[in-house]
Protein backbone atom coordinates (compact mmCIF):
# COMPACT_ATOMS: atom_id res chain seq x y z
CA MET A 1 -30.02 12.32 5.97
CA TYR A 2 -31.05 9.03 7.72
CA THR A 3 -27.49 7.61 7.66
CA HIS A 4 -26.17 6.41 11.23
CA HIS A 5 -23.33 4.19 10.14
CA PHE A 6 -19.87 6.06 9.35
CA LEU A 7 -18.40 4.77 6.24
CA LEU A 8 -14.44 5.22 5.99
CA LEU A 9 -13.29 4.91 2.43
CA THR A 10 -9.95 6.56 2.52
CA PRO A 11 -6.84 4.93 1.18
CA GLY A 12 -5.94 4.38 4.94
CA PRO A 13 -6.52 4.00 7.55
CA THR A 14 -9.15 1.50 6.59
CA PRO A 15 -11.87 -0.12 8.52
CA VAL A 16 -10.64 -2.75 10.99
CA PRO A 17 -12.80 -5.73 11.22
CA GLN A 18 -14.64 -6.86 14.47
CA GLU A 19 -12.53 -10.09 14.62
CA ILE A 20 -9.34 -8.15 14.58
CA GLN A 21 -10.59 -5.46 17.10
CA ASN A 22 -11.62 -8.47 19.48
CA ALA A 23 -8.18 -10.18 18.96
CA MET A 24 -6.43 -7.11 20.16
CA ASN A 25 -8.73 -6.54 23.09
CA THR A 26 -7.49 -9.77 24.70
CA PRO A 27 -5.83 -9.46 28.11
CA MET A 28 -2.41 -7.96 27.95
CA VAL A 29 0.45 -10.39 28.07
CA GLY A 30 4.27 -9.23 28.94
CA HIS A 31 6.33 -8.81 25.94
CA ARG A 32 9.12 -10.86 27.40
CA SER A 33 6.89 -13.85 28.12
CA LYS A 34 6.24 -17.10 26.43
CA ALA A 35 2.88 -16.18 25.87
CA PHE A 36 4.03 -13.11 23.63
CA GLU A 37 6.62 -15.63 22.06
CA LYS A 38 3.82 -17.76 20.63
CA VAL A 39 1.82 -14.65 19.44
CA ALA A 40 4.94 -13.26 17.64
CA LYS A 41 5.99 -16.47 16.04
CA LYS A 42 2.58 -16.75 14.36
CA ALA A 43 2.65 -13.28 13.18
CA PHE A 44 6.27 -13.41 11.74
CA SER A 45 5.41 -16.73 9.89
CA GLY A 46 1.68 -15.90 9.12
CA LEU A 47 2.78 -12.75 7.11
CA LYS A 48 4.83 -14.81 4.44
CA THR A 49 1.73 -15.54 2.18
CA VAL A 50 0.60 -12.06 1.72
CA PHE A 51 4.21 -10.88 1.16
CA GLY A 52 5.24 -13.88 -1.08
CA SER A 53 8.24 -14.25 1.09
CA SER A 54 10.16 -17.43 1.85
CA ASN A 55 11.38 -15.79 4.94
CA GLU A 56 9.55 -14.65 8.14
CA VAL A 57 8.55 -11.08 7.99
CA ILE A 58 10.00 -8.44 10.43
CA ILE A 59 7.35 -6.35 12.28
CA LEU A 60 8.28 -2.76 13.37
CA THR A 61 6.09 -0.87 15.85
CA SER A 62 6.23 2.23 13.95
CA SER A 63 4.55 3.68 10.86
CA GLY A 64 4.99 2.46 7.17
CA THR A 65 7.61 5.26 6.72
CA SER A 66 9.82 3.75 9.35
CA ALA A 67 9.99 0.60 6.96
CA LEU A 68 10.95 2.91 3.96
CA GLU A 69 13.64 4.50 5.84
CA ALA A 70 14.93 1.05 7.39
CA SER A 71 14.90 -0.56 3.82
CA MET A 72 17.26 2.02 2.71
CA ARG A 73 19.55 2.57 5.94
CA ASN A 74 20.15 -1.33 6.05
CA LEU A 75 21.07 -1.72 2.52
CA ILE A 76 22.90 1.36 1.36
CA ASN A 77 26.32 2.44 2.06
CA PRO A 78 27.26 5.88 2.47
CA ASP A 79 28.90 6.29 -0.95
CA ASP A 80 26.38 4.28 -2.96
CA HIS A 81 24.60 5.56 -5.84
CA ILE A 82 20.83 4.86 -5.89
CA VAL A 83 17.95 5.45 -8.07
CA VAL A 84 14.35 6.35 -6.77
CA ILE A 85 11.50 6.19 -9.12
CA VAL A 86 9.21 9.20 -8.13
CA SER A 87 5.56 9.36 -9.40
CA GLY A 88 3.88 10.74 -6.76
CA ALA A 89 3.92 12.13 -3.03
CA PHE A 90 5.14 8.67 -1.77
CA GLY A 91 7.87 8.32 -4.25
CA ALA A 92 8.93 11.73 -3.19
CA ARG A 93 9.32 10.39 0.28
CA PHE A 94 11.88 7.96 -0.49
CA GLN A 95 13.68 10.83 -2.21
CA GLN A 96 13.28 12.81 0.91
CA ILE A 97 14.87 9.97 2.99
CA ALA A 98 17.74 9.61 0.70
CA GLU A 99 18.37 13.41 0.77
CA ALA A 100 18.20 13.48 4.53
CA TYR A 101 20.98 10.81 4.55
CA SER A 102 23.04 12.62 1.91
CA HIS A 103 23.07 9.37 -0.38
CA ASN A 104 24.21 9.90 -3.91
CA LEU A 105 20.64 10.26 -5.41
CA HIS A 106 19.44 9.78 -9.10
CA VAL A 107 15.55 10.63 -9.34
CA PHE A 108 13.73 8.95 -12.12
CA HIS A 109 10.66 11.30 -12.76
CA VAL A 110 7.40 9.67 -14.04
CA GLU A 111 4.25 11.86 -14.68
CA TRP A 112 1.83 11.75 -11.82
CA GLY A 113 -0.94 9.61 -12.84
CA GLU A 114 1.04 7.42 -15.11
CA ALA A 115 2.84 3.90 -14.43
CA PHE A 116 6.62 3.86 -15.23
CA GLU A 117 7.77 2.21 -18.38
CA THR A 118 10.49 -0.27 -17.66
CA GLU A 119 12.45 0.29 -20.69
CA ALA A 120 12.64 3.94 -19.73
CA VAL A 121 13.75 3.08 -16.19
CA LEU A 122 16.43 0.87 -17.60
CA ASN A 123 17.69 3.41 -20.18
CA PHE A 124 17.97 6.13 -17.26
CA ILE A 125 20.05 3.78 -15.00
CA GLN A 126 22.28 2.80 -18.03
CA SER A 127 22.95 6.55 -18.62
CA ILE A 128 24.36 7.17 -15.35
CA GLU A 129 27.82 7.19 -15.17
CA HIS A 130 28.39 5.45 -11.69
CA PRO A 131 27.46 2.07 -10.75
CA ILE A 132 24.00 1.98 -9.23
CA SER A 133 23.73 -0.07 -5.97
CA ALA A 134 19.80 0.02 -5.40
CA VAL A 135 16.42 0.93 -7.24
CA PHE A 136 13.74 2.05 -4.96
CA THR A 137 9.95 2.24 -6.20
CA GLN A 138 6.34 2.03 -5.16
CA TYR A 139 4.41 -0.87 -6.06
CA CYS A 140 1.04 1.33 -5.76
CA GLU A 141 1.51 5.03 -5.70
CA THR A 142 -1.19 6.05 -3.37
CA SER A 143 -1.39 9.73 -4.27
CA THR A 144 -2.16 8.97 -7.72
CA SER A 145 -3.78 5.40 -7.54
CA VAL A 146 -1.19 4.01 -10.05
CA LEU A 147 -0.22 0.31 -9.83
CA HIS A 148 3.32 0.07 -11.31
CA PRO A 149 4.58 -3.12 -13.08
CA VAL A 150 7.20 -3.94 -10.36
CA ALA A 151 7.34 -7.56 -11.42
CA GLU A 152 8.51 -6.54 -14.96
CA LEU A 153 10.94 -4.17 -13.72
CA GLY A 154 12.50 -6.57 -11.10
CA GLN A 155 13.02 -8.94 -13.58
CA ALA A 156 14.57 -6.63 -16.07
CA LEU A 157 16.62 -4.96 -13.60
CA LYS A 158 18.40 -8.31 -12.55
CA GLN A 159 19.31 -9.20 -16.21
CA ILE A 160 21.20 -6.19 -16.65
CA ASN A 161 22.78 -6.23 -13.28
CA PRO A 162 22.04 -9.16 -10.83
CA GLU A 163 23.84 -7.11 -7.98
CA LEU A 164 21.49 -4.54 -7.67
CA PHE A 165 18.96 -4.42 -4.88
CA TYR A 166 15.61 -3.93 -5.67
CA ILE A 167 13.35 -2.40 -3.00
CA VAL A 168 9.46 -2.00 -3.26
CA ASP A 169 7.25 0.11 -1.23
CA GLY A 170 4.06 -1.90 -0.93
CA VAL A 171 2.58 0.11 1.82
CA SER A 172 -0.82 0.64 0.05
CA CYS A 173 -1.43 -2.53 -1.60
CA ILE A 174 0.24 -5.48 0.03
CA GLY A 175 -2.72 -7.86 1.22
CA ALA A 176 -4.46 -7.15 -2.12
CA VAL A 177 -2.10 -7.96 -4.90
CA ASP A 178 -0.27 -11.07 -6.36
CA VAL A 179 3.47 -10.80 -5.15
CA ASN A 180 6.12 -13.34 -5.13
CA MET A 181 9.68 -11.86 -4.11
CA ASP A 182 11.43 -14.58 -5.73
CA ARG A 183 9.56 -14.58 -8.95
CA ASP A 184 9.51 -10.83 -9.02
CA LYS A 185 13.23 -10.37 -8.17
CA ILE A 186 12.53 -7.99 -5.15
CA ASP A 187 15.08 -7.76 -2.39
CA VAL A 188 12.98 -6.04 0.13
CA LEU A 189 9.34 -5.45 0.28
CA VAL A 190 7.81 -2.95 2.92
CA ALA A 191 4.31 -2.52 4.02
CA GLY A 192 2.04 -0.68 6.71
CA SER A 193 -0.58 -1.97 8.83
CA GLN A 194 -3.32 0.49 7.96
CA LYS A 195 -4.14 -0.15 4.50
CA ALA A 196 -5.09 -3.55 2.80
CA MET A 197 -3.93 -5.33 5.61
CA MET A 198 -7.16 -3.94 7.41
CA LEU A 199 -5.15 -3.14 10.92
CA PRO A 200 -4.92 -0.05 12.94
CA PRO A 201 -1.97 2.23 12.14
CA GLY A 202 1.38 1.77 14.20
CA LEU A 203 3.12 -1.39 12.46
CA ALA A 204 5.44 -1.68 9.69
CA PHE A 205 6.49 -4.67 7.87
CA VAL A 206 10.00 -5.68 6.11
CA ALA A 207 10.07 -8.91 3.97
CA TYR A 208 13.61 -9.60 2.50
CA ASN A 209 15.45 -12.36 0.78
CA ASP A 210 18.58 -13.98 1.88
CA ARG A 211 20.83 -11.77 -0.18
CA ALA A 212 19.38 -8.55 1.46
CA LYS A 213 19.51 -10.34 5.00
CA ASN A 214 23.21 -10.67 4.37
CA GLN A 215 23.57 -7.10 3.48
CA PHE A 216 21.94 -6.04 6.75
CA SER A 217 24.72 -7.37 8.71
CA GLU A 218 27.31 -6.03 6.36
CA VAL A 219 26.09 -2.34 5.64
CA GLU A 220 28.26 0.46 6.91
CA SER A 221 25.43 3.11 7.34
CA PRO A 222 24.52 3.37 10.94
CA SER A 223 21.17 2.72 12.42
CA PHE A 224 19.89 2.05 16.01
CA TYR A 225 16.03 1.41 16.18
CA LEU A 226 15.78 0.30 12.55
CA ASN A 227 18.73 -1.79 12.65
CA LEU A 228 17.20 -4.79 10.98
CA THR A 229 19.86 -7.20 11.78
CA LYS A 230 18.78 -6.57 15.77
CA HIS A 231 15.23 -7.15 14.62
CA LEU A 232 16.29 -10.44 12.90
CA LYS A 233 18.08 -11.85 15.86
CA SER A 234 15.10 -11.23 17.85
CA LEU A 235 12.74 -12.66 15.31
CA GLU A 236 14.60 -15.91 15.36
CA ALA A 237 13.99 -16.00 19.11
CA ASP A 238 10.16 -15.08 18.40
CA THR A 239 10.55 -11.75 19.87
CA THR A 240 11.56 -8.17 19.20
CA PRO A 241 14.50 -6.16 20.39
CA TYR A 242 12.36 -3.27 21.82
CA THR A 243 8.99 -3.11 23.34
CA PRO A 244 6.40 -4.02 20.74
CA ASN A 245 2.88 -3.20 20.11
CA VAL A 246 1.62 -6.40 21.72
CA PRO A 247 -2.11 -5.80 20.73
CA GLY A 248 -0.98 -5.11 17.13
CA PHE A 249 0.79 -8.68 17.10
CA GLN A 250 -2.40 -10.11 18.33
CA GLY A 251 -4.29 -8.27 15.58
CA VAL A 252 -1.73 -9.58 12.77
CA VAL A 253 -2.21 -13.15 13.91
CA GLN A 254 -6.00 -12.65 13.39
CA TYR A 255 -5.59 -11.00 10.04
CA CYS A 256 -3.56 -14.01 8.89
CA GLN A 257 -6.13 -16.20 9.95
CA MET A 258 -8.92 -14.18 8.08
CA VAL A 259 -6.76 -14.43 5.04
CA GLU A 260 -6.36 -18.14 5.40
CA ASN A 261 -10.22 -18.70 5.79
CA GLU A 262 -11.09 -16.54 2.60
CA GLY A 263 -8.01 -17.72 0.62
CA PHE A 264 -5.47 -15.35 -0.53
CA GLU A 265 -6.33 -15.76 -4.34
CA HIS A 266 -9.91 -14.83 -3.49
CA VAL A 267 -8.69 -11.79 -1.53
CA ILE A 268 -6.89 -10.71 -4.69
CA GLN A 269 -9.78 -11.40 -6.91
CA ARG A 270 -12.26 -9.63 -4.59
CA HIS A 271 -10.25 -6.45 -4.82
CA ASP A 272 -9.84 -6.51 -8.60
CA PHE A 273 -13.33 -6.81 -9.30
CA ILE A 274 -14.25 -4.05 -6.76
CA ARG A 275 -11.75 -1.68 -8.48
CA ASN A 276 -13.34 -2.71 -11.75
CA ALA A 277 -17.02 -1.94 -10.51
CA VAL A 278 -15.94 1.44 -8.93
CA ARG A 279 -14.26 2.55 -12.12
CA ASN A 280 -17.32 1.64 -14.25
CA ALA A 281 -19.56 3.43 -12.00
CA LEU A 282 -17.68 6.55 -12.05
CA LYS A 283 -17.35 6.53 -15.65
CA ALA A 284 -21.14 6.14 -15.82
CA LEU A 285 -21.58 9.18 -13.78
CA SER A 286 -19.44 11.08 -16.15
CA LEU A 287 -16.44 11.49 -13.82
CA ASN A 288 -12.99 11.36 -15.41
CA LEU A 289 -10.51 8.80 -14.15
CA LEU A 290 -6.82 9.89 -13.36
CA VAL A 291 -5.43 6.52 -14.21
CA THR A 292 -5.85 4.31 -17.29
CA ASP A 293 -7.54 0.90 -16.77
CA GLU A 294 -4.30 -0.77 -17.43
CA ALA A 295 -2.37 1.03 -14.62
CA ALA A 296 -5.23 1.11 -12.01
CA SER A 297 -4.71 0.10 -8.64
CA PRO A 298 -7.13 -2.52 -6.94
CA THR A 299 -6.75 -0.61 -3.44
CA VAL A 300 -7.64 2.95 -4.42
CA THR A 301 -9.29 4.99 -7.33
CA ALA A 302 -8.63 8.55 -8.09
CA PHE A 303 -11.16 10.61 -10.04
CA VAL A 304 -11.33 14.21 -11.40
CA PRO A 305 -14.28 16.39 -10.77
CA ARG A 306 -15.19 18.95 -13.43
CA ASP A 307 -13.85 21.88 -11.40
CA ALA A 308 -12.91 22.89 -7.88
CA ASP A 309 -16.32 23.85 -6.82
CA GLU A 310 -17.60 20.39 -7.83
CA LEU A 311 -14.83 18.80 -5.95
CA THR A 312 -15.38 20.62 -2.86
CA TYR A 313 -19.17 20.15 -3.14
CA ILE A 314 -18.68 16.20 -3.59
CA LYS A 315 -16.37 15.72 -0.56
CA SER A 316 -18.32 17.90 1.80
CA GLN A 317 -21.77 16.55 0.90
CA LEU A 318 -20.27 12.86 1.31
CA SER A 319 -19.29 13.56 4.83
CA GLU A 320 -22.04 16.09 6.03
CA LYS A 321 -25.04 14.32 4.41
CA PHE A 322 -24.05 10.81 3.86
CA ASN A 323 -21.43 10.22 6.81
CA ILE A 324 -18.92 8.96 4.12
CA THR A 325 -15.34 9.99 4.13
CA ILE A 326 -13.05 9.88 1.06
CA ALA A 327 -9.63 11.46 0.51
CA GLY A 328 -8.56 14.49 -1.59
CA GLY A 329 -5.44 14.79 -3.82
CA GLN A 330 -1.86 15.35 -2.27
CA GLY A 331 0.99 17.30 -3.42
CA LYS A 332 0.46 18.83 -6.90
CA LEU A 333 -2.84 17.03 -7.24
CA LYS A 334 -4.23 18.74 -4.09
CA GLY A 335 -7.61 20.55 -4.89
CA HIS A 336 -7.62 18.53 -8.54
CA ILE A 337 -8.76 15.03 -7.74
CA LEU A 338 -10.62 13.00 -5.14
CA ARG A 339 -9.52 9.31 -3.96
CA VAL A 340 -11.61 6.50 -2.90
CA GLY A 341 -10.25 3.49 -0.91
CA HIS A 342 -11.40 0.04 -1.47
CA MET A 343 -9.02 -2.17 0.29
CA GLY A 344 -8.94 -4.65 3.38
CA PHE A 345 -12.25 -5.70 5.13
CA ILE A 346 -14.40 -4.51 2.03
CA SER A 347 -17.10 -6.08 -0.06
CA PRO A 348 -18.57 -4.74 -3.13
CA PHE A 349 -21.94 -3.88 -1.30
CA ASP A 350 -19.68 -1.67 1.08
CA LEU A 351 -19.20 0.51 -2.00
CA LEU A 352 -22.88 0.85 -3.02
CA PRO A 353 -23.85 3.74 -0.48
CA PHE A 354 -20.77 5.76 -1.95
CA ILE A 355 -21.90 5.15 -5.53
CA ALA A 356 -25.64 6.04 -4.63
CA SER A 357 -24.76 8.92 -2.62
CA LEU A 358 -22.60 10.28 -5.68
CA GLU A 359 -25.69 9.88 -7.87
CA MET A 360 -27.67 12.10 -5.79
CA ILE A 361 -24.93 14.54 -5.19
CA LEU A 362 -24.35 14.95 -8.69
CA SER A 363 -27.92 15.10 -9.80
CA ALA A 364 -28.31 18.19 -7.41
CA TYR A 365 -24.93 20.07 -8.31
CA ARG A 366 -25.23 19.34 -12.09
CA GLN A 367 -29.17 19.84 -12.33
CA GLU A 368 -29.10 16.31 -14.35
CA ASP A 369 -30.70 13.02 -13.42
CA TYR A 370 -27.73 10.40 -12.38
CA ILE A 371 -30.17 8.29 -10.23
CA GLY A 372 -29.34 4.66 -11.02
CA LYS A 373 -26.79 5.13 -13.51
CA GLY A 374 -23.77 4.47 -11.30
CA THR A 375 -25.52 1.63 -9.20
CA LYS A 376 -26.52 -0.09 -12.53
CA ALA A 377 -22.97 0.29 -13.98
CA PHE A 378 -21.33 -0.94 -10.64
CA LEU A 379 -23.79 -4.04 -10.08
CA GLU A 380 -23.35 -4.97 -13.70
CA VAL A 381 -19.46 -5.59 -13.06
CA ILE A 382 -20.46 -7.44 -9.78
CA ASN A 383 -23.20 -9.69 -11.30
CA ASN A 384 -20.66 -10.68 -14.22
CA GLU A 385 -18.20 -11.95 -11.34
CA LEU A 386 -20.89 -14.00 -9.34
């Protein structure tokens, strides 16, 4: 095919805009210099908008998983009982972290591809014979493309027990969703750099309220590199306790500037209507969607080919003929679904080559004419938003 430009449409890492690449390529500065302190201060403060936080956001030089682990180690004492909601591969990661530290763990399982029901979670918690210290959940479960009703759950949890800590994994959606930690009753909200925040992998973020901040200094569970009290002490001095990813911090500053320029409300709206357009197009191509419209993430969409052979054909043809990369399923969904990411530095027209390529691939494979069906359905949604 006459395709020269590689198109990365995985649910992370995502394309990095040239403005951020340029910012990260500026001359190196010492990480214990005044020059870096100016950069760090802008980065810590600039992230408050996308996290809906009243406090500056901690930046870790590590992957998103480190923020998941830090959120647990810095809040939970060894004898505490906690609830982890597992609805896919990344909910399972929270579970694995808890098991590694032998916490008193209670797992609330949700069918993969479905959002949790708040009432069911509350009933589960109230059925446990021990007092629960914290509840951990995903905002977007990347492996299934579900967006959970985290605000609804947060408000309900604090009504039954204001002392609970509520921790939300926002790795694959922060930067693309409306979140307000105070309104949504979230104590700790974590994210990673390589998703909707359109940065390279290697940075993790921890947002927290004052109550969580106090707990960081009082918790009895040991930690070293991920000790958030150390990071907060350094943050107050506009620096980090250990060597940071200096170019990454410069990228964060540029990212925050780009969000300010576009307007965060518009960023959210852009992700929403791209999601709607992609889903409309996939339905027009007779591809089933894993998740209902009500629970669909604005950052990633999972769809279900007719069989394993069609799945393999779609994924390989997208890569080999059209230079487009999407993702397969994870865990028990491996070999059953495909996932297309649409987050970060993305416009509706970046998805058109993917939809058009699917039309040609399915027309060839199914021996049925799909040309124009997906693109028409896609553009109808976009046109209505203009």
